[in-house]
Protein backbone atom coordinates (compact mmCIF):
# COMPACT_ATOMS: atom_id res chain seq x y z
CA MET A 1 116.53 139.14 72.78
CA THR A 2 119.12 136.36 71.99
CA ASN A 3 120.12 136.17 75.69
CA LEU A 4 116.49 135.85 76.82
CA SER A 5 116.00 132.88 74.35
CA LEU A 6 119.23 131.32 75.63
CA ILE A 7 118.18 131.58 79.19
CA GLY A 8 114.69 130.20 78.52
CA THR A 9 116.22 127.27 76.60
CA LEU A 10 118.66 126.49 79.46
CA MET A 11 115.90 126.57 82.07
CA LEU A 12 113.83 124.24 79.86
CA VAL A 13 116.73 121.80 79.46
CA SER A 14 117.59 121.85 83.17
CA SER A 15 114.02 121.22 84.28
CA LEU A 16 113.68 118.32 81.85
CA ALA A 17 116.87 116.80 83.02
CA ALA A 18 115.65 116.95 86.61
CA CYS A 19 112.49 115.16 85.63
CA GLY A 20 114.36 112.24 84.08
CA LYS A 21 116.00 111.33 87.40
CA ALA A 22 113.44 109.34 89.13
CA GLU A 23 113.82 107.65 92.57
CA PRO A 24 114.50 103.96 92.51
CA ARG A 25 111.65 101.79 93.72
CA SER A 26 112.24 100.53 97.22
CA THR A 27 112.66 97.11 98.73
CA GLN A 28 109.15 97.40 100.11
CA TYR A 29 107.71 98.08 96.71
CA PHE A 30 109.34 94.97 95.29
CA ALA A 31 108.28 92.81 98.25
CA ALA A 32 104.72 93.67 97.34
CA HIS A 33 105.39 93.04 93.71
CA LEU A 34 107.42 89.90 93.63
CA ASP A 35 106.85 88.83 90.02
CA GLU A 36 108.13 92.21 88.86
CA ALA A 37 111.07 91.93 91.22
CA ARG A 38 111.97 88.61 89.93
CA ALA A 39 111.78 89.88 86.36
CA LEU A 40 114.01 92.77 87.27
CA VAL A 41 116.59 90.47 88.95
CA ALA A 42 116.75 88.39 85.80
CA SER A 43 117.30 91.47 83.67
CA CYS A 44 120.02 92.72 86.13
CA ARG A 45 121.84 89.37 85.97
CA ASP A 46 122.00 89.43 82.18
CA GLY A 47 123.10 92.99 82.22
CA SER A 48 120.11 94.66 80.55
CA ALA A 49 119.23 96.62 83.71
CA ARG A 50 121.54 98.22 86.40
CA GLY A 51 121.33 100.49 89.31
CA ASP A 52 119.73 100.70 92.74
CA GLU A 53 116.58 99.02 91.74
CA CYS A 54 118.69 95.86 90.97
CA THR A 55 119.83 95.82 94.51
CA ASN A 56 116.30 96.60 96.02
CA ALA A 57 114.69 93.98 93.91
CA ASP A 58 117.25 91.36 94.68
CA MET A 59 116.95 92.06 98.45
CA ALA A 60 113.19 91.73 98.24
CA VAL A 61 113.43 88.47 96.34
CA GLN A 62 115.99 86.98 98.76
CA GLU A 63 113.87 87.99 101.81
CA ALA A 64 110.64 86.39 100.32
CA ASP A 65 112.54 83.22 99.35
CA ALA A 66 114.05 82.92 102.89
CA LYS A 67 110.61 83.33 104.48
CA GLU A 68 109.32 80.61 102.20
CA ARG A 69 112.18 78.26 103.01
CA PHE A 70 111.59 78.92 106.74
CA ARG A 71 107.85 78.34 106.29
CA LYS A 72 108.50 74.98 104.56
CA PHE A 73 111.15 74.07 107.27
CA ARG A 74 108.52 74.60 110.02
CA GLY A 75 106.10 72.39 108.13
CA LYS A 76 103.39 75.04 107.78
């Protein structure tokens, strides 16, 4: 009976650990949610956030800023 309880506990712990590992949001997600991306980039710069989402959010913000600069350059 003890082995069965141990196996059940290990299975529960491993399944919960797998649930905690979410995929980082993509650059396309952040391009569609620029306010959220800018807030995350600020958090990443001050060190309160880290990881792949920082990179994806930063890329989305840079692309949006570049498109805006180009639009202003063209006078439209």
